Amino acid sequence: MSVVDIATAWFEARAVVNRSQRRVFAALTTIRERLPFPLRGIDADNDSAFINANLIAYCQAQGLTFTRRREYRKNDQAHVEERNGAVIRRLIGYERYEGEPAAAALSAVYDVLRLWVNFFQPTMRLVAKERLGAKVIKRYDQAKTPYQRVLEAPEISASAKQALRALLPDAQSHSASAGTRAAPEEAAGPRAGRLRSLDEAT
C-alpha cells in the first residue's frame, strides 16, 4: 500500500499479505504513526479494502475527512500512481509476491526506501498551467525534498519538525543500497532476485 501527502509529497509504503480489511487497516495505522505530521484525511481509491464500514467508522471517530476517487477516473490518484511507478515498480518490479515472508522482506525494503525518497529525492510541484492555442505551458516550483517541504510548512508544529530533524542523521547513516541488500532475500522465495538494490534501480 502506498500513501502520498499532496502538500509535501511525503511518501510511505507498507507491504500487505492480502487485501482484507484487517490487513489494510493495520498497514494504514502503521503509516499514520510514521507520518511526521497529523493526518487530516484519507482520499482512497474505490477498492473494497478501503471503501468499507470499518474504515469509514474509524475516520468518523478520529475526525478524519474521507473521500474517494471518482469511478473510471484513474488520474484522481495521480500522485500515488506516479510514486508507484517511479519508486515501487522501478525497484521491486511488477511481479506479485505472496505470503508472510515476502511481506516481511518487502517491508524491510520499504523501511529504507522511505528514508531515501523523503530525505534525498527532490520533486517539483505544478504551480500553473496555461494553454496557448494547441500548446500547454506548465510551470513548476523549485525542486525540494519532502523533508524540506515539511520543514517549510507553516501548518506543521515546531515539535513535529524537531522530531523530523532528529531522523536526518539516521537517514544519512543508512546506505539505501546496503539496506535493500540486507533484506532477507530468502523470505521472498524463488523470485527474491527481483529485490534489487537501489543502485541497480537508479
Protein backbone atom coordinates (compact mmCIF):
# COMPACT_ATOMS: atom_id res chain seq x y z
CA MET A 1 0.00 0.00 0.00
CA SER A 2 1.36 3.42 -0.99
CA VAL A 3 0.43 6.75 0.57
CA VAL A 4 1.40 10.23 -0.65
CA ASP A 5 0.74 13.55 1.07
CA ILE A 6 -0.34 16.08 -1.55
CA ALA A 7 1.07 19.16 0.17
CA THR A 8 4.57 17.87 0.93
CA ALA A 9 4.91 14.78 -1.33
CA TRP A 10 5.81 12.74 1.77
CA PHE A 11 5.77 9.07 0.81
CA GLU A 12 5.04 5.94 2.85
CA ALA A 13 4.58 2.32 1.81
CA ARG A 14 3.79 -0.94 3.57
CA ALA A 15 3.52 -4.46 2.22
CA VAL A 16 0.28 -6.28 2.98
CA VAL A 17 -0.25 -10.02 2.68
CA ASN A 18 -3.72 -9.65 1.20
CA ARG A 19 -6.45 -7.06 0.65
CA SER A 20 -8.51 -7.97 3.70
CA GLN A 21 -9.91 -5.09 5.70
CA ARG A 22 -7.91 -6.14 8.76
CA ARG A 23 -4.58 -6.23 6.93
CA VAL A 24 -5.14 -2.94 5.15
CA PHE A 25 -6.27 -1.21 8.33
CA ALA A 26 -3.17 -2.45 10.20
CA ALA A 27 -0.91 -1.10 7.44
CA LEU A 28 -2.74 2.22 7.42
CA THR A 29 -2.37 2.51 11.20
CA THR A 30 1.38 1.92 10.92
CA ILE A 31 1.69 4.53 8.19
CA ARG A 32 -0.25 7.07 10.25
CA GLU A 33 2.13 6.56 13.17
CA ARG A 34 5.11 7.20 10.90
CA LEU A 35 3.86 10.43 9.36
CA PRO A 36 5.81 13.48 10.57
CA PHE A 37 2.57 15.47 10.82
CA PRO A 38 -1.03 14.84 11.91
CA LEU A 39 -3.26 13.00 9.45
CA ARG A 40 -6.24 15.12 8.44
CA GLY A 41 -7.95 12.95 5.88
CA ILE A 42 -7.79 10.00 3.51
CA ASP A 43 -8.52 10.05 -0.21
CA ALA A 44 -8.72 6.40 -1.27
CA ASP A 45 -9.39 4.55 -4.47
CA ASN A 46 -12.57 2.52 -4.93
CA ASP A 47 -11.14 -0.78 -3.75
CA SER A 48 -13.34 -2.57 -1.22
CA ALA A 49 -10.29 -2.78 1.04
CA PHE A 50 -10.81 0.96 1.62
CA ILE A 51 -14.48 1.51 0.93
CA ASN A 52 -15.91 -0.34 3.90
CA ALA A 53 -17.81 0.39 7.08
CA ASN A 54 -14.84 -0.22 9.39
CA LEU A 55 -12.57 2.35 7.80
CA ILE A 56 -15.34 4.92 7.45
CA ALA A 57 -16.27 4.45 11.11
CA TYR A 58 -12.61 4.87 12.06
CA CYS A 59 -12.36 8.13 10.13
CA GLN A 60 -15.52 9.44 11.74
CA ALA A 61 -14.30 8.51 15.22
CA GLN A 62 -10.89 10.11 14.60
CA GLY A 63 -12.28 13.24 12.94
CA LEU A 64 -10.66 12.42 9.58
CA THR A 65 -12.07 13.51 6.26
CA PHE A 66 -12.72 10.54 3.98
CA THR A 67 -13.07 10.94 0.21
CA ARG A 68 -12.68 8.55 -2.69
CA ARG A 69 -11.68 8.58 -6.31
CA ARG A 70 -14.35 9.10 -8.93
CA GLU A 71 -15.27 5.99 -10.85
CA TYR A 72 -13.21 5.43 -14.02
CA ARG A 73 -11.02 8.46 -13.23
CA LYS A 74 -7.63 6.94 -12.50
CA ASN A 75 -5.95 10.35 -12.65
CA ASP A 76 -7.69 11.24 -9.40
CA GLN A 77 -4.92 9.17 -7.77
CA ALA A 78 -2.15 10.56 -9.96
CA HIS A 79 0.25 11.29 -7.11
CA VAL A 80 0.07 7.74 -5.79
CA GLU A 81 0.31 6.22 -9.26
CA GLU A 82 3.39 8.32 -10.01
CA ARG A 83 5.11 7.09 -6.82
CA ASN A 84 4.12 3.52 -7.56
CA GLY A 85 5.75 3.75 -10.96
CA ALA A 86 8.81 5.85 -10.16
CA VAL A 87 9.63 4.20 -6.82
CA ILE A 88 7.90 0.88 -6.11
CA ARG A 89 7.76 -0.71 -9.57
CA ARG A 90 11.14 0.65 -10.59
CA LEU A 91 12.75 -1.07 -7.62
CA ILE A 92 10.55 -4.12 -6.96
CA GLY A 93 9.13 -4.76 -10.41
CA TYR A 94 5.66 -5.82 -11.48
CA GLU A 95 5.54 -9.35 -10.10
CA ARG A 96 3.22 -10.21 -7.23
CA TYR A 97 4.76 -11.70 -4.10
CA GLU A 98 2.74 -13.84 -1.73
CA GLY A 99 2.88 -14.89 1.92
CA GLU A 100 4.12 -13.54 5.23
CA PRO A 101 7.86 -13.96 4.46
CA ALA A 102 7.56 -11.94 1.27
CA ALA A 103 5.60 -9.20 3.05
CA ALA A 104 8.25 -9.02 5.76
CA ALA A 105 11.05 -8.79 3.18
CA LEU A 106 9.29 -6.04 1.24
CA SER A 107 8.52 -4.09 4.42
CA ALA A 108 12.24 -4.22 5.28
CA VAL A 109 12.99 -2.71 1.88
CA TYR A 110 10.30 -0.04 2.31
CA ASP A 111 11.73 0.95 5.71
CA VAL A 112 14.90 2.04 3.92
CA LEU A 113 13.14 3.29 0.82
CA ARG A 114 11.01 5.80 2.74
CA LEU A 115 14.15 7.47 4.10
CA TRP A 116 15.78 7.62 0.69
CA VAL A 117 12.71 9.09 -1.02
CA ASN A 118 11.63 11.54 1.67
CA PHE A 119 15.02 12.90 2.67
CA PHE A 120 17.04 12.76 -0.53
CA GLN A 121 14.77 12.73 -3.59
CA PRO A 122 13.52 16.19 -4.62
CA THR A 123 10.28 16.65 -6.51
CA MET A 124 8.70 19.57 -8.35
CA ARG A 125 5.08 20.59 -7.95
CA LEU A 126 2.92 22.00 -10.72
CA VAL A 127 2.00 25.58 -9.77
CA ALA A 128 0.48 26.88 -13.01
CA LYS A 129 -0.79 25.65 -16.35
CA GLU A 130 -1.61 27.88 -19.31
CA ARG A 131 -2.98 26.93 -22.69
CA LEU A 132 -1.80 28.90 -25.71
CA GLY A 133 -3.72 27.55 -28.68
CA ALA A 134 -2.74 23.91 -29.05
CA LYS A 135 0.21 24.28 -26.69
CA VAL A 136 0.03 23.84 -22.92
CA ILE A 137 2.70 25.57 -20.83
CA LYS A 138 3.30 24.14 -17.37
CA ARG A 139 5.22 25.92 -14.62
CA TYR A 140 6.73 24.15 -11.63
CA ASP A 141 8.13 25.30 -8.32
CA GLN A 142 11.71 24.76 -7.20
CA ALA A 143 12.61 21.13 -6.68
CA LYS A 144 12.61 20.21 -2.98
CA THR A 145 12.62 17.01 -0.99
CA PRO A 146 9.53 16.07 1.04
CA TYR A 147 11.70 16.62 4.12
CA GLN A 148 12.33 20.23 3.08
CA ARG A 149 8.68 20.82 2.31
CA VAL A 150 7.63 19.55 5.74
CA LEU A 151 10.11 21.89 7.45
CA GLU A 152 8.82 24.84 5.43
CA ALA A 153 5.12 24.13 6.03
CA PRO A 154 3.70 26.70 8.48
CA GLU A 155 0.83 24.37 9.42
CA ILE A 156 3.19 21.80 10.97
CA SER A 157 4.20 22.34 14.58
CA ALA A 158 7.74 23.16 15.69
CA SER A 159 7.86 20.00 17.82
CA ALA A 160 6.96 17.82 14.83
CA LYS A 161 9.66 19.48 12.75
CA GLN A 162 12.22 18.98 15.51
CA ALA A 163 11.33 15.29 15.73
CA LEU A 164 11.78 15.03 11.96
CA ARG A 165 15.18 16.75 12.09
CA ALA A 166 16.26 14.13 14.62
CA LEU A 167 15.71 11.45 11.96
CA LEU A 168 18.10 13.05 9.47
CA PRO A 169 21.34 11.59 10.91
CA ASP A 170 19.77 8.16 10.90
CA ALA A 171 18.69 8.59 7.29
CA GLN A 172 22.17 9.77 6.32
CA SER A 173 23.87 6.88 8.08
CA HIS A 174 21.79 4.24 6.32
CA SER A 175 23.03 3.39 2.87
CA ALA A 176 19.89 2.81 0.84
CA SER A 177 21.54 0.15 -1.30
CA ALA A 178 23.00 -1.65 1.70
CA GLY A 179 19.65 -1.61 3.43
CA THR A 180 17.98 -3.14 0.42
CA ARG A 181 20.57 -5.90 0.14
CA ALA A 182 20.17 -6.57 3.85
CA ALA A 183 16.53 -7.53 3.36
CA PRO A 184 16.06 -11.28 3.88
CA GLU A 185 16.10 -12.42 0.26
CA GLU A 186 15.27 -15.96 1.20
CA ALA A 187 11.96 -14.73 2.64
CA ALA A 188 10.79 -13.64 -0.80
CA GLY A 189 11.01 -17.15 -2.17
CA PRO A 190 12.27 -18.14 -5.63
CA ARG A 191 11.63 -14.69 -7.05
CA ALA A 192 13.86 -12.96 -4.50
CA GLY A 193 16.13 -11.84 -7.29
CA ARG A 194 13.60 -9.13 -8.08
CA LEU A 195 14.54 -7.39 -4.83
CA ARG A 196 17.32 -5.42 -6.46
CA SER A 197 19.40 -2.77 -4.78
CA LEU A 198 18.61 0.91 -5.20
CA ASP A 199 21.92 1.26 -7.02
CA GLU A 200 20.66 -1.10 -9.70
CA ALA A 201 17.28 0.61 -9.89
CA THR A 202 18.60 4.13 -10.37
